[in-house]
Amino acid sequence: MYLSYPVRMPANTSAEIGIRDLRAKLSDVVNDTAVYGQITYVTSRGRRVAAIVPVPDAEAIEEKKKPGGDSPPA
């Protein structure tokens, strides 16, 4: 059966990848994020410096950061 929209599966786990490895595997990492909802932490010298997250998660974070984002609508 063909679905005309991407099927988002739950993430198994999060992952970590060094920034050098990310350059070579970026398309795979982005695909895993979009399709499976996987969160990938980007590391530099063993320290987490960024994260690649699914769009719905990023939008939810942005919404919470807006003034009044945590409060329910009046």
C-alpha atoms as a PDB file:
ATOM      1  CA  MET A   1       0.000   0.000   0.000  1.00  0.00           C
ATOM      2  CA  TYR A   2       1.375   3.419  -0.978  1.00  0.00           C
ATOM      3  CA  LEU A   3       0.882   6.361   1.369  1.00  0.00           C
ATOM      4  CA  SER A   4       1.217   9.844  -0.078  1.00  0.00           C
ATOM      5  CA  TYR A   5       2.432  11.268   3.217  1.00  0.00           C
ATOM      6  CA  PRO A   6       5.381  10.312   5.384  1.00  0.00           C
ATOM      7  CA  VAL A   7       4.639   7.830   8.124  1.00  0.00           C
ATOM      8  CA  ARG A   8       6.245   8.962  11.358  1.00  0.00           C
ATOM      9  CA  MET A   9       7.276   6.080  13.537  1.00  0.00           C
ATOM     10  CA  PRO A  10       8.200   6.514  17.199  1.00  0.00           C
ATOM     11  CA  ALA A  11      11.887   7.017  17.907  1.00  0.00           C
ATOM     12  CA  ASN A  12      13.666   4.003  19.330  1.00  0.00           C
ATOM     13  CA  THR A  13      16.325   6.047  21.072  1.00  0.00           C
ATOM     14  CA  SER A  14      18.251   9.217  20.690  1.00  0.00           C
ATOM     15  CA  ALA A  15      21.667   9.159  19.084  1.00  0.00           C
ATOM     16  CA  GLU A  16      24.909  11.104  19.209  1.00  0.00           C
ATOM     17  CA  ILE A  17      27.167  11.943  16.299  1.00  0.00           C
ATOM     18  CA  GLY A  18      30.387  13.906  16.067  1.00  0.00           C
ATOM     19  CA  ILE A  19      30.334  16.982  13.892  1.00  0.00           C
ATOM     20  CA  ARG A  20      32.892  15.474  11.500  1.00  0.00           C
ATOM     21  CA  ASP A  21      30.792  12.325  11.029  1.00  0.00           C
ATOM     22  CA  LEU A  22      27.664  14.439  10.627  1.00  0.00           C
ATOM     23  CA  ARG A  23      29.090  16.065   7.511  1.00  0.00           C
ATOM     24  CA  ALA A  24      29.272  12.674   5.834  1.00  0.00           C
ATOM     25  CA  LYS A  25      25.931  11.348   7.124  1.00  0.00           C
ATOM     26  CA  LEU A  26      23.731  14.446   7.214  1.00  0.00           C
ATOM     27  CA  SER A  27      21.085  13.167   4.796  1.00  0.00           C
ATOM     28  CA  ASP A  28      20.719   9.916   6.773  1.00  0.00           C
ATOM     29  CA  VAL A  29      20.457  11.771  10.080  1.00  0.00           C
ATOM     30  CA  VAL A  30      17.828  14.169   8.713  1.00  0.00           C
ATOM     31  CA  ASN A  31      15.874  11.266   7.218  1.00  0.00           C
ATOM     32  CA  ASP A  32      15.899   9.365  10.525  1.00  0.00           C
ATOM     33  CA  THR A  33      14.649  12.508  12.254  1.00  0.00           C
ATOM     34  CA  ALA A  34      11.860  13.128   9.746  1.00  0.00           C
ATOM     35  CA  VAL A  35      10.694   9.531   9.386  1.00  0.00           C
ATOM     36  CA  TYR A  36      11.351   7.991  12.792  1.00  0.00           C
ATOM     37  CA  GLY A  37      11.284  11.060  15.040  1.00  0.00           C
ATOM     38  CA  GLN A  38      14.813  10.346  16.223  1.00  0.00           C
ATOM     39  CA  ILE A  39      16.638  13.056  18.139  1.00  0.00           C
ATOM     40  CA  THR A  40      20.337  13.274  17.292  1.00  0.00           C
ATOM     41  CA  TYR A  41      22.752  15.170  19.499  1.00  0.00           C
ATOM     42  CA  VAL A  42      25.692  16.710  17.672  1.00  0.00           C
ATOM     43  CA  THR A  43      28.944  16.598  19.593  1.00  0.00           C
ATOM     44  CA  SER A  44      32.181  18.522  19.350  1.00  0.00           C
ATOM     45  CA  ARG A  45      35.132  17.042  21.213  1.00  0.00           C
ATOM     46  CA  GLY A  46      32.750  14.792  23.133  1.00  0.00           C
ATOM     47  CA  ARG A  47      30.469  17.605  24.329  1.00  0.00           C
ATOM     48  CA  ARG A  48      26.894  18.041  23.105  1.00  0.00           C
ATOM     49  CA  VAL A  49      26.634  21.334  21.227  1.00  0.00           C
ATOM     50  CA  ALA A  50      23.401  20.988  19.222  1.00  0.00           C
ATOM     51  CA  ALA A  51      20.494  18.688  18.502  1.00  0.00           C
ATOM     52  CA  ILE A  52      18.623  17.710  15.372  1.00  0.00           C
ATOM     53  CA  VAL A  53      14.989  17.280  16.350  1.00  0.00           C
ATOM     54  CA  PRO A  54      11.708  16.649  14.524  1.00  0.00           C
ATOM     55  CA  VAL A  55       9.888  19.806  13.402  1.00  0.00           C
ATOM     56  CA  PRO A  56       6.877  19.316  15.738  1.00  0.00           C
ATOM     57  CA  ASP A  57       9.248  19.141  18.713  1.00  0.00           C
ATOM     58  CA  ALA A  58      11.129  22.266  17.639  1.00  0.00           C
ATOM     59  CA  GLU A  59       7.878  24.171  17.058  1.00  0.00           C
ATOM     60  CA  ALA A  60       6.624  23.187  20.514  1.00  0.00           C
ATOM     61  CA  ILE A  61       9.855  24.468  22.076  1.00  0.00           C
ATOM     62  CA  GLU A  62       9.580  27.753  20.163  1.00  0.00           C
ATOM     63  CA  GLU A  63       5.968  28.171  21.264  1.00  0.00           C
ATOM     64  CA  LYS A  64       6.944  27.719  24.909  1.00  0.00           C
ATOM     65  CA  LYS A  65       9.708  30.325  24.563  1.00  0.00           C
ATOM     66  CA  LYS A  66       7.265  33.011  23.358  1.00  0.00           C
ATOM     67  CA  PRO A  67       6.025  35.419  26.018  1.00  0.00           C
ATOM     68  CA  GLY A  68       2.911  33.840  27.465  1.00  0.00           C
ATOM     69  CA  GLY A  69       3.641  30.566  25.648  1.00  0.00           C
ATOM     70  CA  ASP A  70       3.146  28.469  28.779  1.00  0.00           C
ATOM     71  CA  SER A  71      -0.118  30.047  29.833  1.00  0.00           C
ATOM     72  CA  PRO A  72      -3.452  28.855  28.423  1.00  0.00           C
ATOM     73  CA  PRO A  73      -5.344  31.217  26.096  1.00  0.00           C
ATOM     74  CA  ALA A  74      -7.633  33.697  27.865  1.00  0.00           C
END
